[in-house]
Amino acid sequence: MWEIPPSLSSREADLLVCEATNPSLGVGYELCYAEHRGIPCLVFYNRARCQLSAMIQGDPYFRIFPYEREEELFGTLAALLSGKEAP
């Protein structure tokens, strides 16, 4: 898997897509950085495996998409990226 330093990935991004099932300071940092720079954020998490962080869940800036199967995640993401509203 490729590791892209936040200084390169977030700074030049038009959109941040994250998977937040597992707690991670790195994901939180990226989300905060993206919000500060006005970069739209899509947050996915597996509702069967975790309860999403209150910090993420309580911030209206983030668009949050729970899923139970990976197929749902990829279907929602494909719809969003093609300009359609998520199912």
Protein backbone atom coordinates (compact mmCIF):
# COMPACT_ATOMS: atom_id res chain seq x y z
CA MET A 1 0.00 0.00 0.00
CA TRP A 2 1.29 3.48 -0.84
CA GLU A 3 1.83 5.97 1.95
CA ILE A 4 1.32 9.58 0.92
CA PRO A 5 2.41 12.19 3.48
CA PRO A 6 -0.42 14.54 4.58
CA SER A 7 1.60 17.50 3.37
CA LEU A 8 1.23 16.20 -0.19
CA SER A 9 -2.16 14.50 -0.18
CA SER A 10 -4.42 16.97 1.65
CA ARG A 11 -2.80 20.15 0.44
CA GLU A 12 -3.60 19.46 -3.21
CA ALA A 13 -6.85 17.50 -2.83
CA ASP A 14 -10.23 18.48 -4.25
CA LEU A 15 -11.98 15.89 -2.07
CA LEU A 16 -11.06 13.78 0.96
CA VAL A 17 -12.53 10.27 1.18
CA CYS A 18 -11.80 8.39 4.39
CA GLU A 19 -12.72 5.09 5.98
CA ALA A 20 -13.11 5.63 9.73
CA THR A 21 -14.08 2.22 11.09
CA ASN A 22 -10.86 1.96 13.11
CA PRO A 23 -9.94 4.89 15.38
CA SER A 24 -6.95 6.75 13.97
CA LEU A 25 -5.27 10.00 14.89
CA GLY A 26 -4.04 10.23 11.31
CA VAL A 27 -7.55 10.16 9.86
CA GLY A 28 -8.67 12.74 12.41
CA TYR A 29 -5.74 14.96 11.48
CA GLU A 30 -6.50 14.67 7.76
CA LEU A 31 -10.19 15.48 8.35
CA CYS A 32 -9.36 18.53 10.47
CA TYR A 33 -6.82 19.75 7.91
CA ALA A 34 -9.25 19.27 5.03
CA GLU A 35 -12.06 21.06 6.86
CA HIS A 36 -9.75 23.97 7.67
CA ARG A 37 -8.83 24.27 3.97
CA GLY A 38 -12.47 23.94 2.79
CA ILE A 39 -11.94 20.55 1.13
CA PRO A 40 -15.15 18.45 1.06
CA CYS A 41 -14.95 15.29 3.20
CA LEU A 42 -16.74 11.97 2.73
CA VAL A 43 -16.50 9.70 5.75
CA PHE A 44 -17.33 5.99 5.50
CA TYR A 45 -17.51 3.57 8.42
CA ASN A 46 -18.74 0.03 9.01
CA ARG A 47 -21.68 0.42 11.40
CA ALA A 48 -21.52 -3.26 12.38
CA ARG A 49 -17.89 -3.00 13.54
CA CYS A 50 -17.73 0.34 15.34
CA GLN A 51 -19.40 3.39 16.74
CA LEU A 52 -18.14 6.43 14.87
CA SER A 53 -16.12 8.96 16.83
CA ALA A 54 -18.21 11.72 18.43
CA MET A 55 -15.77 14.29 17.03
CA ILE A 56 -16.49 13.17 13.49
CA GLN A 57 -20.18 12.46 14.00
CA GLY A 58 -20.81 15.82 15.67
CA ASP A 59 -19.21 17.95 12.96
CA PRO A 60 -21.80 18.96 10.35
CA TYR A 61 -19.04 19.67 7.82
CA PHE A 62 -18.45 15.96 7.21
CA ARG A 63 -20.76 13.89 5.00
CA ILE A 64 -21.03 10.56 6.79
CA PHE A 65 -21.97 7.27 5.13
CA PRO A 66 -22.37 4.13 7.26
CA TYR A 67 -22.19 0.78 5.52
CA GLU A 68 -22.36 -2.91 6.45
CA ARG A 69 -20.83 -4.54 3.36
CA GLU A 70 -18.00 -3.29 1.16
CA GLU A 71 -20.32 -3.43 -1.85
CA GLU A 72 -22.44 -0.71 -0.21
CA LEU A 73 -19.37 1.45 0.37
CA PHE A 74 -18.19 1.16 -3.23
CA GLY A 75 -21.70 1.66 -4.64
CA THR A 76 -22.22 4.83 -2.60
CA LEU A 77 -18.79 6.15 -3.48
CA ALA A 78 -19.31 5.47 -7.19
CA ALA A 79 -22.65 7.30 -7.12
CA LEU A 80 -21.15 10.28 -5.33
CA LEU A 81 -18.15 10.53 -7.65
CA SER A 82 -20.33 10.30 -10.74
CA GLY A 83 -22.36 13.27 -9.52
CA LYS A 84 -25.40 11.30 -8.42
CA GLU A 85 -26.79 11.50 -4.91
CA ALA A 86 -25.92 8.58 -2.67
CA PRO A 87 -28.56 5.84 -2.35
